[in-house]
Amino acid sequence: MSDLAFRALDFLTEGEDELWVAHIVFDGQARRTSGIQKIMKNDCGVSYDTVQRILKRLVSKNIVYRVIQGIYAPNLRLVLDKMIELLEAKQEAENSVKR
């Protein structure tokens, strides 16, 4: 995952746990709830119930899609739009400094 995509996810999510669950889905490390839960439990010590609540929040924010029961996919369009917005803001800031 690119640095820009990670920054876009950081902007769209609230808190580290949401960011890391979204990162797992976007990076393709896991698609199934059980895989996401195992990674979060092993890496961050986050309980399975907490991961389920985080996934529900991410779905409600349209950051990830619930494709079918227990399988999640990234909303690439949302993150791409945020990446473009971040790039435009960076370019505007650079242009204003040059003046």
C-alpha atoms as a PDB file:
ATOM      1  CA  MET A   1       0.000   0.000   0.000  1.00  0.00           C
ATOM      2  CA  SER A   2       1.380   3.385  -0.943  1.00  0.00           C
ATOM      3  CA  ASP A   3       2.108   6.090   1.592  1.00  0.00           C
ATOM      4  CA  LEU A   4      -0.563   8.282   0.008  1.00  0.00           C
ATOM      5  CA  ALA A   5      -3.191   5.525   0.251  1.00  0.00           C
ATOM      6  CA  PHE A   6      -2.253   4.941   3.887  1.00  0.00           C
ATOM      7  CA  ARG A   7      -2.608   8.681   4.629  1.00  0.00           C
ATOM      8  CA  ALA A   8      -6.010   8.679   2.916  1.00  0.00           C
ATOM      9  CA  LEU A   9      -7.127   5.759   5.097  1.00  0.00           C
ATOM     10  CA  ASP A  10      -5.762   7.520   8.162  1.00  0.00           C
ATOM     11  CA  PHE A  11      -7.857  10.566   7.293  1.00  0.00           C
ATOM     12  CA  LEU A  12     -11.027   8.493   6.705  1.00  0.00           C
ATOM     13  CA  THR A  13     -10.793   6.331   9.831  1.00  0.00           C
ATOM     14  CA  GLU A  14     -11.026   7.141  13.524  1.00  0.00           C
ATOM     15  CA  GLY A  15      -8.398   5.644  15.793  1.00  0.00           C
ATOM     16  CA  GLU A  16      -5.612   3.178  15.242  1.00  0.00           C
ATOM     17  CA  ASP A  17      -7.775   0.051  15.394  1.00  0.00           C
ATOM     18  CA  GLU A  18     -10.049   1.282  12.576  1.00  0.00           C
ATOM     19  CA  LEU A  19      -7.012   2.277  10.547  1.00  0.00           C
ATOM     20  CA  TRP A  20      -5.358  -1.122  10.927  1.00  0.00           C
ATOM     21  CA  VAL A  21      -8.515  -3.123  10.173  1.00  0.00           C
ATOM     22  CA  ALA A  22      -9.051  -1.002   7.044  1.00  0.00           C
ATOM     23  CA  HIS A  23      -5.382  -1.464   6.130  1.00  0.00           C
ATOM     24  CA  ILE A  24      -5.720  -5.251   6.429  1.00  0.00           C
ATOM     25  CA  VAL A  25      -8.695  -5.235   4.045  1.00  0.00           C
ATOM     26  CA  PHE A  26      -7.160  -2.763   1.561  1.00  0.00           C
ATOM     27  CA  ASP A  27      -3.781  -4.486   1.558  1.00  0.00           C
ATOM     28  CA  GLY A  28      -5.433  -7.829   0.836  1.00  0.00           C
ATOM     29  CA  GLN A  29      -3.967  -9.515   3.909  1.00  0.00           C
ATOM     30  CA  ALA A  30      -7.404 -10.927   4.742  1.00  0.00           C
ATOM     31  CA  ARG A  31     -10.924 -10.704   3.346  1.00  0.00           C
ATOM     32  CA  ARG A  32     -12.789 -12.894   5.785  1.00  0.00           C
ATOM     33  CA  THR A  33     -13.841 -11.784   9.249  1.00  0.00           C
ATOM     34  CA  SER A  34     -11.937 -14.662  10.850  1.00  0.00           C
ATOM     35  CA  GLY A  35      -8.691 -13.761   9.076  1.00  0.00           C
ATOM     36  CA  ILE A  36      -9.002 -10.098  10.024  1.00  0.00           C
ATOM     37  CA  GLN A  37      -9.760 -11.069  13.630  1.00  0.00           C
ATOM     38  CA  LYS A  38      -6.717 -13.367  13.831  1.00  0.00           C
ATOM     39  CA  ILE A  39      -4.365 -10.699  12.500  1.00  0.00           C
ATOM     40  CA  MET A  40      -5.706  -8.040  14.869  1.00  0.00           C
ATOM     41  CA  LYS A  41      -5.598 -10.434  17.846  1.00  0.00           C
ATOM     42  CA  ASN A  42      -2.015 -11.505  17.129  1.00  0.00           C
ATOM     43  CA  ASP A  43      -0.632  -8.085  16.162  1.00  0.00           C
ATOM     44  CA  CYS A  44      -2.597  -5.697  18.395  1.00  0.00           C
ATOM     45  CA  GLY A  45      -4.323  -7.820  21.032  1.00  0.00           C
ATOM     46  CA  VAL A  46      -7.750  -6.621  19.873  1.00  0.00           C
ATOM     47  CA  SER A  47     -10.649  -8.936  20.759  1.00  0.00           C
ATOM     48  CA  TYR A  48     -12.755 -10.647  18.108  1.00  0.00           C
ATOM     49  CA  ASP A  49     -15.866  -8.732  19.220  1.00  0.00           C
ATOM     50  CA  THR A  50     -14.068  -5.412  18.880  1.00  0.00           C
ATOM     51  CA  VAL A  51     -12.956  -6.305  15.348  1.00  0.00           C
ATOM     52  CA  GLN A  52     -16.570  -7.089  14.418  1.00  0.00           C
ATOM     53  CA  ARG A  53     -17.701  -3.696  15.738  1.00  0.00           C
ATOM     54  CA  ILE A  54     -14.899  -1.985  13.823  1.00  0.00           C
ATOM     55  CA  LEU A  55     -15.889  -3.767  10.612  1.00  0.00           C
ATOM     56  CA  LYS A  56     -19.493  -2.638  11.081  1.00  0.00           C
ATOM     57  CA  ARG A  57     -18.316   0.978  11.531  1.00  0.00           C
ATOM     58  CA  LEU A  58     -16.128   0.780   8.435  1.00  0.00           C
ATOM     59  CA  VAL A  59     -19.072  -0.568   6.426  1.00  0.00           C
ATOM     60  CA  SER A  60     -21.368   2.179   7.745  1.00  0.00           C
ATOM     61  CA  LYS A  61     -18.780   4.776   6.634  1.00  0.00           C
ATOM     62  CA  ASN A  62     -18.504   3.069   3.198  1.00  0.00           C
ATOM     63  CA  ILE A  63     -14.771   2.558   3.691  1.00  0.00           C
ATOM     64  CA  VAL A  64     -15.188  -1.186   3.129  1.00  0.00           C
ATOM     65  CA  TYR A  65     -17.998  -3.213   1.593  1.00  0.00           C
ATOM     66  CA  ARG A  66     -19.542  -6.316   3.072  1.00  0.00           C
ATOM     67  CA  VAL A  67     -19.600  -8.418  -0.083  1.00  0.00           C
ATOM     68  CA  ILE A  68     -21.343 -11.391   1.496  1.00  0.00           C
ATOM     69  CA  GLN A  69     -21.601 -12.581   5.064  1.00  0.00           C
ATOM     70  CA  GLY A  70     -18.126 -12.616   6.540  1.00  0.00           C
ATOM     71  CA  ILE A  71     -16.280 -11.316   3.461  1.00  0.00           C
ATOM     72  CA  TYR A  72     -15.157  -7.709   3.047  1.00  0.00           C
ATOM     73  CA  ALA A  73     -13.731  -5.706   0.145  1.00  0.00           C
ATOM     74  CA  PRO A  74     -12.164  -2.243  -0.003  1.00  0.00           C
ATOM     75  CA  ASN A  75     -14.021   0.773  -1.379  1.00  0.00           C
ATOM     76  CA  LEU A  76     -11.249   1.798  -3.737  1.00  0.00           C
ATOM     77  CA  ARG A  77     -13.213   4.694  -5.213  1.00  0.00           C
ATOM     78  CA  LEU A  78     -13.598   6.399  -1.834  1.00  0.00           C
ATOM     79  CA  VAL A  79      -9.906   6.082  -1.047  1.00  0.00           C
ATOM     80  CA  LEU A  80      -8.890   7.150  -4.556  1.00  0.00           C
ATOM     81  CA  ASP A  81     -11.052  10.270  -4.263  1.00  0.00           C
ATOM     82  CA  LYS A  82      -9.427  11.082  -0.905  1.00  0.00           C
ATOM     83  CA  MET A  83      -5.964  10.479  -2.371  1.00  0.00           C
ATOM     84  CA  ILE A  84      -6.709  12.938  -5.197  1.00  0.00           C
ATOM     85  CA  GLU A  85      -7.989  15.461  -2.663  1.00  0.00           C
ATOM     86  CA  LEU A  86      -4.800  15.112  -0.594  1.00  0.00           C
ATOM     87  CA  LEU A  87      -2.601  15.511  -3.684  1.00  0.00           C
ATOM     88  CA  GLU A  88      -4.488  18.618  -4.787  1.00  0.00           C
ATOM     89  CA  ALA A  89      -4.168  20.139  -1.313  1.00  0.00           C
ATOM     90  CA  LYS A  90      -0.430  19.395  -1.316  1.00  0.00           C
ATOM     91  CA  GLN A  91       0.003  20.995  -4.757  1.00  0.00           C
ATOM     92  CA  GLU A  92      -1.959  24.076  -3.696  1.00  0.00           C
ATOM     93  CA  ALA A  93       0.201  24.428  -0.597  1.00  0.00           C
ATOM     94  CA  GLU A  94       3.380  24.102  -2.663  1.00  0.00           C
ATOM     95  CA  ASN A  95       2.109  26.670  -5.188  1.00  0.00           C
ATOM     96  CA  SER A  96       1.250  29.172  -2.465  1.00  0.00           C
ATOM     97  CA  VAL A  97       4.743  28.819  -0.968  1.00  0.00           C
ATOM     98  CA  LYS A  98       6.351  29.500  -4.374  1.00  0.00           C
ATOM     99  CA  ARG A  99       4.500  32.802  -4.745  1.00  0.00           C
END
